[in-house]
Protein backbone atom coordinates (compact mmCIF):
# COMPACT_ATOMS: atom_id res chain seq x y z
CA UNK A 1 44.78 -42.12 63.28
CA UNK A 2 47.63 -43.79 65.17
CA UNK A 3 51.21 -42.32 65.18
CA UNK A 4 52.27 -45.33 63.17
CA UNK A 5 49.38 -44.80 60.52
CA UNK A 6 50.50 -40.92 60.38
CA UNK A 7 54.14 -41.85 59.72
CA UNK A 8 53.12 -44.38 57.11
CA UNK A 9 50.72 -41.70 55.53
CA UNK A 10 53.63 -39.18 55.35
CA UNK A 11 56.06 -41.95 53.92
CA UNK A 12 53.70 -43.09 51.17
CA UNK A 13 52.73 -39.31 50.31
CA UNK A 14 56.65 -38.60 50.08
CA UNK A 15 57.00 -41.56 47.96
CA UNK A 16 54.40 -40.29 45.40
CA UNK A 17 56.18 -37.07 45.24
CA UNK A 18 59.48 -38.81 44.65
CA UNK A 19 57.93 -40.78 41.79
CA UNK A 20 56.90 -37.56 40.22
CA UNK A 21 60.46 -36.19 40.64
CA UNK A 22 61.81 -39.27 39.16
CA UNK A 23 59.80 -38.66 35.84
CA UNK A 24 56.44 -40.66 36.53
CA UNK A 25 53.43 -38.73 35.52
CA UNK A 26 50.89 -37.50 38.42
CA UNK A 27 48.37 -40.44 38.11
CA UNK A 28 51.24 -43.11 37.91
CA UNK A 29 52.93 -41.51 40.95
CA UNK A 30 50.09 -41.85 43.18
CA UNK A 31 49.24 -45.51 42.09
CA UNK A 32 52.94 -46.55 42.18
CA UNK A 33 53.23 -45.19 45.76
CA UNK A 34 49.97 -46.42 47.32
CA UNK A 35 48.78 -49.49 45.56
CA UNK A 36 51.62 -51.82 46.61
CA UNK A 37 50.99 -51.04 50.20
CA UNK A 38 47.31 -51.56 50.35
CA UNK A 39 46.05 -53.62 47.42
CA UNK A 40 46.60 -57.39 48.31
CA UNK A 41 47.24 -58.55 44.77
CA UNK A 42 48.80 -55.67 43.35
CA UNK A 43 51.01 -56.10 40.13
CA UNK A 44 53.36 -53.45 39.17
CA UNK A 45 52.14 -53.50 35.38
CA UNK A 46 48.80 -52.17 36.70
CA UNK A 47 50.42 -48.96 36.78
CA UNK A 48 50.05 -48.83 33.06
CA UNK A 49 46.49 -48.19 33.35
CA UNK A 50 47.50 -44.85 35.04
CA UNK A 51 49.48 -43.57 32.14
CA UNK A 52 46.67 -42.23 30.04
CA UNK A 53 45.08 -40.17 32.94
CA UNK A 54 48.50 -38.01 33.17
CA UNK A 55 47.99 -34.28 32.93
CA UNK A 56 44.32 -34.18 32.99
CA UNK A 57 43.84 -37.16 30.70
CA UNK A 58 46.30 -37.50 27.80
CA UNK A 59 48.20 -34.44 28.78
CA UNK A 60 45.22 -32.19 27.60
CA UNK A 61 45.13 -30.60 30.93
CA UNK A 62 41.38 -30.18 30.57
CA UNK A 63 39.88 -32.97 32.69
CA UNK A 64 40.28 -34.26 35.99
CA UNK A 65 43.52 -33.89 37.54
CA UNK A 66 45.81 -36.96 37.17
CA UNK A 67 46.74 -37.13 40.76
CA UNK A 68 43.08 -37.38 41.52
CA UNK A 69 42.58 -40.03 38.96
CA UNK A 70 45.29 -42.15 40.34
CA UNK A 71 43.64 -41.94 43.93
CA UNK A 72 40.36 -43.02 42.29
CA UNK A 73 42.08 -46.03 40.67
CA UNK A 74 43.57 -47.10 44.05
CA UNK A 75 39.96 -47.19 45.51
CA UNK A 76 38.70 -48.80 42.53
CA UNK A 77 41.46 -51.55 43.04
CA UNK A 78 40.55 -52.01 46.51
CA UNK A 79 36.76 -51.81 46.44
CA UNK A 80 35.77 -51.89 42.70
CA UNK A 81 33.56 -54.77 41.59
CA UNK A 82 34.61 -57.57 39.35
CA UNK A 83 30.90 -58.93 38.92
CA UNK A 84 27.58 -57.09 38.84
CA UNK A 85 26.81 -56.58 42.41
CA UNK A 86 26.56 -53.65 44.98
CA UNK A 87 29.18 -50.96 44.31
CA UNK A 88 27.99 -48.66 46.96
CA UNK A 89 31.17 -48.51 49.00
CA UNK A 90 33.35 -47.77 46.41
CA UNK A 91 31.23 -44.94 44.87
CA UNK A 92 30.91 -43.55 48.59
CA UNK A 93 34.48 -43.45 49.06
CA UNK A 94 35.41 -41.90 45.56
CA UNK A 95 32.71 -39.14 46.25
CA UNK A 96 34.24 -38.45 49.67
CA UNK A 97 37.65 -38.46 48.23
CA UNK A 98 36.25 -36.00 45.41
CA UNK A 99 34.89 -33.78 47.98
CA UNK A 100 37.62 -33.66 50.13
CA UNK A 101 40.08 -32.86 47.04
CA UNK A 102 37.74 -30.28 45.83
CA UNK A 103 37.47 -28.55 49.18
CA UNK A 104 41.09 -28.83 49.77
CA UNK A 105 42.29 -27.28 46.27
CA UNK A 106 38.95 -25.55 45.21
CA UNK A 107 38.44 -27.50 42.17
CA UNK A 108 39.41 -30.80 40.37
CA UNK A 109 40.45 -29.94 36.51
CA UNK A 110 43.89 -30.10 35.92
CA UNK A 111 44.45 -26.57 34.13
CA UNK A 112 42.35 -24.77 36.60
CA UNK A 113 44.63 -26.27 39.36
CA UNK A 114 47.81 -25.62 37.66
CA UNK A 115 46.67 -21.90 37.09
CA UNK A 116 45.06 -21.19 40.51
CA UNK A 117 46.60 -23.68 42.77
CA UNK A 118 50.00 -24.68 41.45
CA UNK A 119 51.57 -21.52 39.57
CA UNK A 120 49.37 -18.71 41.12
CA UNK A 121 51.42 -16.24 43.28
CA UNK A 122 51.88 -17.82 46.79
CA UNK A 123 50.76 -21.10 45.25
CA UNK A 124 52.04 -24.60 45.75
CA UNK A 125 54.80 -24.07 43.12
CA UNK A 126 54.73 -27.45 41.64
CA UNK A 127 52.26 -30.52 41.10
CA UNK A 128 54.73 -32.32 43.43
CA UNK A 129 53.13 -30.83 46.46
CA UNK A 130 49.64 -31.53 44.83
CA UNK A 131 50.55 -35.15 44.35
CA UNK A 132 51.63 -35.45 48.03
CA UNK A 133 48.59 -33.89 49.48
CA UNK A 134 46.18 -35.66 47.02
CA UNK A 135 47.96 -38.92 48.21
CA UNK A 136 47.22 -37.85 51.91
CA UNK A 137 43.78 -37.09 51.20
CA UNK A 138 43.43 -40.72 49.61
CA UNK A 139 45.13 -42.28 52.79
CA UNK A 140 42.74 -40.64 55.03
CA UNK A 141 39.71 -41.83 53.03
CA UNK A 142 41.26 -45.28 53.07
CA UNK A 143 41.90 -45.31 56.91
CA UNK A 144 38.29 -43.89 57.65
CA UNK A 145 37.22 -47.14 55.56
CA UNK A 146 39.13 -49.27 57.76
CA UNK A 147 42.04 -50.16 55.36
CA UNK A 148 45.24 -50.97 57.04
CA UNK A 149 48.13 -48.92 56.02
CA UNK A 150 51.56 -50.69 55.47
CA UNK A 151 54.80 -48.79 54.97
CA UNK A 152 56.25 -48.48 51.66
CA UNK A 153 57.64 -51.71 50.19
CA UNK A 154 61.44 -52.15 49.92
CA UNK A 155 63.86 -49.70 48.32
CA UNK A 156 63.15 -50.68 44.55
CA UNK A 157 61.29 -47.63 44.17
CA UNK A 158 61.13 -46.60 40.45
CA UNK A 159 63.25 -49.52 39.72
CA UNK A 160 60.21 -51.93 39.97
CA UNK A 161 59.54 -54.03 37.08
CA UNK A 162 56.35 -52.57 35.25
CA UNK A 163 56.69 -54.76 32.19
CA UNK A 164 54.40 -57.30 31.16
CA UNK A 165 55.20 -60.81 32.32
């Protein structure tokens, strides 16, 4: 990874953490931080699809970590299919992401991560750090797949219009 890619990676991960601090959910924070920089036909209203995945799906904390779900959504936006054809690349990248996430944090379930990674003594202390690190893992997977990273778009940040047109 080039120094420019590393700096872009850090900036996008920091932006994801900032979105979480501003009140966006974990899944939304990842999508809002990364998708505009890598998905060519990105529209801010697409963030709405991430809302239901927050807090381990619907805030239950019982399913997949919202940050990981947001990462999967970005890969799907880039490599998912619109027609019934080969989805091997998308599936491979999501599997790689899942493996790296699990290897980094020890699990993928929201409640387990909160108990053992975020809130445990000596743990991360907040989901903000988990979101930031998950975003870095996503960007590593994307760079390895040949995706060109662009810096975060302008300073609109959380002010971006995510309403329907």
